[in-house]
């Protein structure tokens, strides 16, 4: 998973990950039993034996700050294509 944004960062805290994603406080994501989290700078890796549990936990992390369409700031999957929107333009 990728974290994209100005000043957004990921730090490893044992088996947990701390996200600095533009909120008023850092968000600590605690790993469930059977899940191994690793993170450095702008990437988060979610690993485990149960594919369904890994997907559910990755979706939980993504729901904290989903990718927005104008600047692509937020958390997205590494293979996700973010469709960018055009900003408003002045009338001519």
C-alpha atoms as a PDB file:
ATOM      1  CA  UNK A   1       0.000   0.000   0.000  1.00  0.00           C
ATOM      2  CA  UNK A   2       1.191   3.523  -0.769  1.00  0.00           C
ATOM      3  CA  UNK A   3       0.795   6.665   1.315  1.00  0.00           C
ATOM      4  CA  UNK A   4       0.829   9.803  -0.814  1.00  0.00           C
ATOM      5  CA  UNK A   5       0.649  13.387   0.426  1.00  0.00           C
ATOM      6  CA  UNK A   6       2.662  16.380   1.551  1.00  0.00           C
ATOM      7  CA  UNK A   7       4.118  15.540   4.965  1.00  0.00           C
ATOM      8  CA  UNK A   8       2.478  12.092   5.097  1.00  0.00           C
ATOM      9  CA  UNK A   9       4.724   9.449   6.662  1.00  0.00           C
ATOM     10  CA  UNK A  10       4.717   5.905   8.007  1.00  0.00           C
ATOM     11  CA  UNK A  11       6.835   4.737  10.950  1.00  0.00           C
ATOM     12  CA  UNK A  12       7.319   1.231  12.322  1.00  0.00           C
ATOM     13  CA  UNK A  13       6.518   0.696  16.042  1.00  0.00           C
ATOM     14  CA  UNK A  14       7.312  -2.960  16.776  1.00  0.00           C
ATOM     15  CA  UNK A  15       4.722  -4.985  14.851  1.00  0.00           C
ATOM     16  CA  UNK A  16       2.443  -1.933  14.640  1.00  0.00           C
ATOM     17  CA  UNK A  17       2.533   1.030  12.257  1.00  0.00           C
ATOM     18  CA  UNK A  18       2.059   4.712  13.060  1.00  0.00           C
ATOM     19  CA  UNK A  19       0.581   6.909  10.321  1.00  0.00           C
ATOM     20  CA  UNK A  20       1.085  10.647  10.084  1.00  0.00           C
ATOM     21  CA  UNK A  21      -1.528  11.412   7.433  1.00  0.00           C
ATOM     22  CA  UNK A  22      -2.594  15.016   7.903  1.00  0.00           C
ATOM     23  CA  UNK A  23      -4.897  14.487  10.868  1.00  0.00           C
ATOM     24  CA  UNK A  24      -4.521  16.394  14.149  1.00  0.00           C
ATOM     25  CA  UNK A  25      -2.903  13.328  15.722  1.00  0.00           C
ATOM     26  CA  UNK A  26      -0.823  10.345  14.569  1.00  0.00           C
ATOM     27  CA  UNK A  27      -2.863   7.173  13.989  1.00  0.00           C
ATOM     28  CA  UNK A  28      -1.503   3.945  15.471  1.00  0.00           C
ATOM     29  CA  UNK A  29      -2.600   0.834  13.569  1.00  0.00           C
ATOM     30  CA  UNK A  30      -2.233  -2.282  15.713  1.00  0.00           C
ATOM     31  CA  UNK A  31      -1.700  -5.570  13.906  1.00  0.00           C
ATOM     32  CA  UNK A  32      -4.264  -8.330  14.453  1.00  0.00           C
ATOM     33  CA  UNK A  33      -3.058 -11.817  15.409  1.00  0.00           C
ATOM     34  CA  UNK A  34      -1.836 -13.522  12.244  1.00  0.00           C
ATOM     35  CA  UNK A  35      -0.987 -10.220  10.481  1.00  0.00           C
ATOM     36  CA  UNK A  36       2.527  -8.827  10.054  1.00  0.00           C
ATOM     37  CA  UNK A  37       2.797  -5.090   9.310  1.00  0.00           C
ATOM     38  CA  UNK A  38       5.894  -3.371   8.011  1.00  0.00           C
ATOM     39  CA  UNK A  39       6.169   0.249   7.022  1.00  0.00           C
ATOM     40  CA  UNK A  40       8.837   2.698   5.964  1.00  0.00           C
ATOM     41  CA  UNK A  41       8.444   6.304   4.810  1.00  0.00           C
ATOM     42  CA  UNK A  42       5.560   6.004   2.312  1.00  0.00           C
ATOM     43  CA  UNK A  43       4.823   2.284   2.030  1.00  0.00           C
ATOM     44  CA  UNK A  44       2.885  -0.190   4.165  1.00  0.00           C
ATOM     45  CA  UNK A  45       3.144  -3.947   3.722  1.00  0.00           C
ATOM     46  CA  UNK A  46       0.440  -6.254   5.102  1.00  0.00           C
ATOM     47  CA  UNK A  47       1.354  -9.952   5.214  1.00  0.00           C
ATOM     48  CA  UNK A  48      -0.245 -13.056   6.639  1.00  0.00           C
ATOM     49  CA  UNK A  49      -1.319 -16.623   5.950  1.00  0.00           C
ATOM     50  CA  UNK A  50      -5.084 -16.033   5.593  1.00  0.00           C
ATOM     51  CA  UNK A  51      -5.767 -14.146   2.339  1.00  0.00           C
ATOM     52  CA  UNK A  52      -9.222 -12.995   3.459  1.00  0.00           C
ATOM     53  CA  UNK A  53      -7.902 -11.590   6.746  1.00  0.00           C
ATOM     54  CA  UNK A  54      -5.063  -9.763   4.967  1.00  0.00           C
ATOM     55  CA  UNK A  55      -7.492  -8.204   2.474  1.00  0.00           C
ATOM     56  CA  UNK A  56      -9.920  -7.157   5.212  1.00  0.00           C
ATOM     57  CA  UNK A  57      -7.129  -5.574   7.272  1.00  0.00           C
ATOM     58  CA  UNK A  58      -5.703  -3.770   4.228  1.00  0.00           C
ATOM     59  CA  UNK A  59      -9.184  -2.373   3.510  1.00  0.00           C
ATOM     60  CA  UNK A  60      -9.405  -1.205   7.150  1.00  0.00           C
ATOM     61  CA  UNK A  61      -6.113   0.699   6.768  1.00  0.00           C
ATOM     62  CA  UNK A  62      -7.234   2.212   3.460  1.00  0.00           C
ATOM     63  CA  UNK A  63     -10.516   3.414   5.034  1.00  0.00           C
ATOM     64  CA  UNK A  64      -8.588   5.583   7.494  1.00  0.00           C
ATOM     65  CA  UNK A  65      -7.806   8.051   4.685  1.00  0.00           C
ATOM     66  CA  UNK A  66      -8.846   6.902   1.181  1.00  0.00           C
ATOM     67  CA  UNK A  67      -7.199   8.446  -1.848  1.00  0.00           C
ATOM     68  CA  UNK A  68      -8.955  11.629  -3.008  1.00  0.00           C
ATOM     69  CA  UNK A  69      -9.376  12.310  -6.748  1.00  0.00           C
ATOM     70  CA  UNK A  70      -7.950  15.844  -7.090  1.00  0.00           C
ATOM     71  CA  UNK A  71      -4.395  15.514  -5.741  1.00  0.00           C
ATOM     72  CA  UNK A  72      -4.309  11.728  -5.086  1.00  0.00           C
ATOM     73  CA  UNK A  73      -3.523  12.331  -1.389  1.00  0.00           C
ATOM     74  CA  UNK A  74      -4.284   9.428   0.930  1.00  0.00           C
ATOM     75  CA  UNK A  75      -3.729   5.695   1.248  1.00  0.00           C
ATOM     76  CA  UNK A  76      -4.085   3.517  -1.838  1.00  0.00           C
ATOM     77  CA  UNK A  77      -3.244  -0.024  -2.855  1.00  0.00           C
ATOM     78  CA  UNK A  78      -0.002  -0.382  -4.810  1.00  0.00           C
ATOM     79  CA  UNK A  79      -1.830  -1.636  -7.919  1.00  0.00           C
ATOM     80  CA  UNK A  80      -4.792   0.770  -7.637  1.00  0.00           C
ATOM     81  CA  UNK A  81      -5.300   3.308 -10.418  1.00  0.00           C
ATOM     82  CA  UNK A  82      -6.499   6.641  -9.036  1.00  0.00           C
ATOM     83  CA  UNK A  83      -8.582   8.478 -11.619  1.00  0.00           C
ATOM     84  CA  UNK A  84      -7.665  12.154 -11.312  1.00  0.00           C
ATOM     85  CA  UNK A  85     -10.313  14.847 -11.701  1.00  0.00           C
ATOM     86  CA  UNK A  86      -9.737  18.168 -13.377  1.00  0.00           C
ATOM     87  CA  UNK A  87      -9.829  21.205 -11.096  1.00  0.00           C
ATOM     88  CA  UNK A  88     -12.361  23.971 -11.625  1.00  0.00           C
ATOM     89  CA  UNK A  89     -11.349  26.486 -14.238  1.00  0.00           C
ATOM     90  CA  UNK A  90     -12.293  30.145 -14.605  1.00  0.00           C
ATOM     91  CA  UNK A  91     -14.915  31.149 -17.175  1.00  0.00           C
ATOM     92  CA  UNK A  92     -13.634  32.758 -20.334  1.00  0.00           C
END
